[in-house]
């Protein structure tokens, strides 16, 4: 291996961040591909915030899990990342049910909290994510 080639595979914050970006892209693709299928199969889904949130977390998880498997990650790492998708929704749902968070505030907050949840999951296995 020459110097340039070894530099490409050296663990770094940049590789770690790139992997995070790749997973966000995979999550968005999961929502874009699977979302229309759910809305066709479940008319009125968008009228039930709880169901819509859990379906959205599922769509994101599927997209991300497929990409992680393609990248060679094991099931424990994938399971932790899937948990990071659901955890913010599950933590915030009681606040939505109690009327403390509107549907929009709930969905926004859950998506924002998902990013640090993902980073925590990635830091637990930083060696797998290129750092």
C-alpha atoms as a PDB file:
ATOM      1  CA  UNK A   1       0.000   0.000   0.000  1.00  0.00           C
ATOM      2  CA  UNK A   2       1.337   3.407  -0.829  1.00  0.00           C
ATOM      3  CA  UNK A   3       0.945   6.474   1.406  1.00  0.00           C
ATOM      4  CA  UNK A   4      -2.175   7.751  -0.388  1.00  0.00           C
ATOM      5  CA  UNK A   5      -3.937   4.400  -0.065  1.00  0.00           C
ATOM      6  CA  UNK A   6      -3.171   4.042   3.653  1.00  0.00           C
ATOM      7  CA  UNK A   7      -4.404   7.579   4.269  1.00  0.00           C
ATOM      8  CA  UNK A   8      -7.805   6.633   2.824  1.00  0.00           C
ATOM      9  CA  UNK A   9      -8.266   3.886   5.428  1.00  0.00           C
ATOM     10  CA  UNK A  10      -6.814   5.635   8.472  1.00  0.00           C
ATOM     11  CA  UNK A  11      -9.415   6.065  11.231  1.00  0.00           C
ATOM     12  CA  UNK A  12     -10.505   9.678  11.480  1.00  0.00           C
ATOM     13  CA  UNK A  13     -13.200  12.018  12.624  1.00  0.00           C
ATOM     14  CA  UNK A  14     -13.920  12.690   8.949  1.00  0.00           C
ATOM     15  CA  UNK A  15     -14.638   9.025   8.194  1.00  0.00           C
ATOM     16  CA  UNK A  16     -16.799   8.851  11.305  1.00  0.00           C
ATOM     17  CA  UNK A  17     -18.772  11.919  10.204  1.00  0.00           C
ATOM     18  CA  UNK A  18     -19.053  10.637   6.625  1.00  0.00           C
ATOM     19  CA  UNK A  19     -20.547   7.402   7.874  1.00  0.00           C
ATOM     20  CA  UNK A  20     -23.087   9.394   9.904  1.00  0.00           C
ATOM     21  CA  UNK A  21     -24.029  11.375   6.796  1.00  0.00           C
ATOM     22  CA  UNK A  22     -24.361   8.150   4.802  1.00  0.00           C
ATOM     23  CA  UNK A  23     -26.757   6.781   7.412  1.00  0.00           C
ATOM     24  CA  UNK A  24     -28.877   9.948   7.364  1.00  0.00           C
ATOM     25  CA  UNK A  25     -29.095   9.664   3.566  1.00  0.00           C
ATOM     26  CA  UNK A  26     -30.108   5.991   3.899  1.00  0.00           C
ATOM     27  CA  UNK A  27     -32.781   6.984   6.439  1.00  0.00           C
ATOM     28  CA  UNK A  28     -34.208   9.640   4.128  1.00  0.00           C
ATOM     29  CA  UNK A  29     -34.220   7.157   1.244  1.00  0.00           C
ATOM     30  CA  UNK A  30     -36.035   4.659   3.489  1.00  0.00           C
ATOM     31  CA  UNK A  31     -38.729   7.262   4.177  1.00  0.00           C
ATOM     32  CA  UNK A  32     -38.995   8.251   0.524  1.00  0.00           C
ATOM     33  CA  UNK A  33     -39.276   4.683  -0.745  1.00  0.00           C
ATOM     34  CA  UNK A  34     -41.437   3.149   1.985  1.00  0.00           C
ATOM     35  CA  UNK A  35     -43.560   6.168   2.949  1.00  0.00           C
ATOM     36  CA  UNK A  36     -45.748   6.070  -0.167  1.00  0.00           C
ATOM     37  CA  UNK A  37     -46.272   2.324   0.292  1.00  0.00           C
ATOM     38  CA  UNK A  38     -47.517   2.838   3.860  1.00  0.00           C
ATOM     39  CA  UNK A  39     -49.810   5.700   2.825  1.00  0.00           C
ATOM     40  CA  UNK A  40     -51.263   3.556   0.054  1.00  0.00           C
ATOM     41  CA  UNK A  41     -51.718   0.535   2.358  1.00  0.00           C
ATOM     42  CA  UNK A  42     -52.938   2.556   5.364  1.00  0.00           C
ATOM     43  CA  UNK A  43     -55.266   5.374   4.271  1.00  0.00           C
ATOM     44  CA  UNK A  44     -55.481   8.041   6.956  1.00  0.00           C
ATOM     45  CA  UNK A  45     -52.096   7.180   8.471  1.00  0.00           C
ATOM     46  CA  UNK A  46     -51.149  10.848   8.614  1.00  0.00           C
ATOM     47  CA  UNK A  47     -54.183  11.498  10.846  1.00  0.00           C
ATOM     48  CA  UNK A  48     -52.691   9.339  13.639  1.00  0.00           C
ATOM     49  CA  UNK A  49     -49.493  10.990  14.881  1.00  0.00           C
ATOM     50  CA  UNK A  50     -48.443   8.018  17.002  1.00  0.00           C
ATOM     51  CA  UNK A  51     -48.777   5.534  14.148  1.00  0.00           C
ATOM     52  CA  UNK A  52     -47.192   7.914  11.678  1.00  0.00           C
ATOM     53  CA  UNK A  53     -44.187   8.470  13.957  1.00  0.00           C
ATOM     54  CA  UNK A  54     -43.614   4.768  14.520  1.00  0.00           C
ATOM     55  CA  UNK A  55     -44.013   3.994  10.822  1.00  0.00           C
ATOM     56  CA  UNK A  56     -41.546   6.764  10.001  1.00  0.00           C
ATOM     57  CA  UNK A  57     -39.037   5.370  12.527  1.00  0.00           C
ATOM     58  CA  UNK A  58     -39.508   1.964  10.913  1.00  0.00           C
ATOM     59  CA  UNK A  59     -38.926   3.341   7.416  1.00  0.00           C
ATOM     60  CA  UNK A  60     -35.765   5.134   8.545  1.00  0.00           C
ATOM     61  CA  UNK A  61     -34.567   2.046  10.405  1.00  0.00           C
ATOM     62  CA  UNK A  62     -35.041  -0.211   7.394  1.00  0.00           C
ATOM     63  CA  UNK A  63     -33.145   2.142   5.083  1.00  0.00           C
ATOM     64  CA  UNK A  64     -30.336   2.567   7.584  1.00  0.00           C
ATOM     65  CA  UNK A  65     -30.144  -1.144   8.484  1.00  0.00           C
ATOM     66  CA  UNK A  66     -29.898  -2.153   4.826  1.00  0.00           C
ATOM     67  CA  UNK A  67     -27.080   0.327   4.279  1.00  0.00           C
ATOM     68  CA  UNK A  68     -25.283  -0.806   7.446  1.00  0.00           C
ATOM     69  CA  UNK A  69     -25.460  -4.452   6.310  1.00  0.00           C
ATOM     70  CA  UNK A  70     -24.089  -3.458   2.900  1.00  0.00           C
ATOM     71  CA  UNK A  71     -21.252  -1.708   4.743  1.00  0.00           C
ATOM     72  CA  UNK A  72     -20.562  -4.917   6.707  1.00  0.00           C
ATOM     73  CA  UNK A  73     -21.861  -3.964  10.158  1.00  0.00           C
ATOM     74  CA  UNK A  74     -22.987  -6.682  12.509  1.00  0.00           C
ATOM     75  CA  UNK A  75     -26.427  -7.122  13.991  1.00  0.00           C
ATOM     76  CA  UNK A  76     -25.521  -5.644  17.417  1.00  0.00           C
ATOM     77  CA  UNK A  77     -24.432  -2.350  15.823  1.00  0.00           C
ATOM     78  CA  UNK A  78     -27.526  -2.310  13.612  1.00  0.00           C
ATOM     79  CA  UNK A  79     -29.757  -3.043  16.609  1.00  0.00           C
ATOM     80  CA  UNK A  80     -28.249  -0.163  18.562  1.00  0.00           C
ATOM     81  CA  UNK A  81     -28.754   2.205  15.660  1.00  0.00           C
ATOM     82  CA  UNK A  82     -32.360   1.063  15.202  1.00  0.00           C
ATOM     83  CA  UNK A  83     -32.901   1.743  18.914  1.00  0.00           C
ATOM     84  CA  UNK A  84     -31.523   5.245  18.336  1.00  0.00           C
ATOM     85  CA  UNK A  85     -34.247   5.747  15.694  1.00  0.00           C
ATOM     86  CA  UNK A  86     -37.100   4.741  17.996  1.00  0.00           C
ATOM     87  CA  UNK A  87     -35.914   6.061  21.358  1.00  0.00           C
ATOM     88  CA  UNK A  88     -36.652   9.773  20.797  1.00  0.00           C
ATOM     89  CA  UNK A  89     -40.170   8.969  19.566  1.00  0.00           C
ATOM     90  CA  UNK A  90     -40.861   6.652  22.494  1.00  0.00           C
ATOM     91  CA  UNK A  91     -39.526   9.153  25.048  1.00  0.00           C
ATOM     92  CA  UNK A  92     -41.564  12.041  23.632  1.00  0.00           C
ATOM     93  CA  UNK A  93     -44.833  10.237  22.855  1.00  0.00           C
ATOM     94  CA  UNK A  94     -46.224  10.591  26.417  1.00  0.00           C
ATOM     95  CA  UNK A  95     -45.721  14.363  26.192  1.00  0.00           C
ATOM     96  CA  UNK A  96     -47.635  14.411  22.917  1.00  0.00           C
ATOM     97  CA  UNK A  97     -50.415  12.230  24.357  1.00  0.00           C
ATOM     98  CA  UNK A  98     -50.676  14.559  27.371  1.00  0.00           C
ATOM     99  CA  UNK A  99     -51.064  17.561  25.061  1.00  0.00           C
ATOM    100  CA  UNK A 100     -47.733  19.116  26.062  1.00  0.00           C
ATOM    101  CA  UNK A 101     -46.371  18.739  22.513  1.00  0.00           C
ATOM    102  CA  UNK A 102     -48.303  19.389  19.334  1.00  0.00           C
ATOM    103  CA  UNK A 103     -47.901  16.876  16.523  1.00  0.00           C
ATOM    104  CA  UNK A 104     -45.457  19.184  14.746  1.00  0.00           C
ATOM    105  CA  UNK A 105     -43.424  19.903  17.889  1.00  0.00           C
ATOM    106  CA  UNK A 106     -43.335  16.199  18.728  1.00  0.00           C
ATOM    107  CA  UNK A 107     -42.148  15.152  15.268  1.00  0.00           C
ATOM    108  CA  UNK A 108     -39.573  17.957  15.093  1.00  0.00           C
ATOM    109  CA  UNK A 109     -38.169  17.273  18.563  1.00  0.00           C
ATOM    110  CA  UNK A 110     -37.971  13.526  17.940  1.00  0.00           C
ATOM    111  CA  UNK A 111     -36.079  14.025  14.687  1.00  0.00           C
ATOM    112  CA  UNK A 112     -33.690  16.498  16.309  1.00  0.00           C
ATOM    113  CA  UNK A 113     -33.031  14.139  19.253  1.00  0.00           C
ATOM    114  CA  UNK A 114     -32.434  11.269  16.856  1.00  0.00           C
ATOM    115  CA  UNK A 115     -29.128  12.778  15.728  1.00  0.00           C
ATOM    116  CA  UNK A 116     -27.439  12.795  19.162  1.00  0.00           C
ATOM    117  CA  UNK A 117     -28.900   9.332  19.797  1.00  0.00           C
ATOM    118  CA  UNK A 118     -27.196   8.141  16.609  1.00  0.00           C
ATOM    119  CA  UNK A 119     -23.902   9.765  17.594  1.00  0.00           C
ATOM    120  CA  UNK A 120     -24.028   8.039  20.994  1.00  0.00           C
ATOM    121  CA  UNK A 121     -24.652   4.680  19.317  1.00  0.00           C
ATOM    122  CA  UNK A 122     -21.791   5.340  16.914  1.00  0.00           C
ATOM    123  CA  UNK A 123     -19.418   6.365  19.703  1.00  0.00           C
ATOM    124  CA  UNK A 124     -20.111   3.086  21.497  1.00  0.00           C
ATOM    125  CA  UNK A 125     -18.625   1.291  18.480  1.00  0.00           C
ATOM    126  CA  UNK A 126     -16.361   4.016  17.128  1.00  0.00           C
ATOM    127  CA  UNK A 127     -13.944   1.417  15.720  1.00  0.00           C
ATOM    128  CA  UNK A 128     -16.727   0.169  13.395  1.00  0.00           C
ATOM    129  CA  UNK A 129     -17.462   3.672  12.178  1.00  0.00           C
ATOM    130  CA  UNK A 130     -13.925   4.663  11.225  1.00  0.00           C
ATOM    131  CA  UNK A 131     -12.723   6.520  14.291  1.00  0.00           C
END
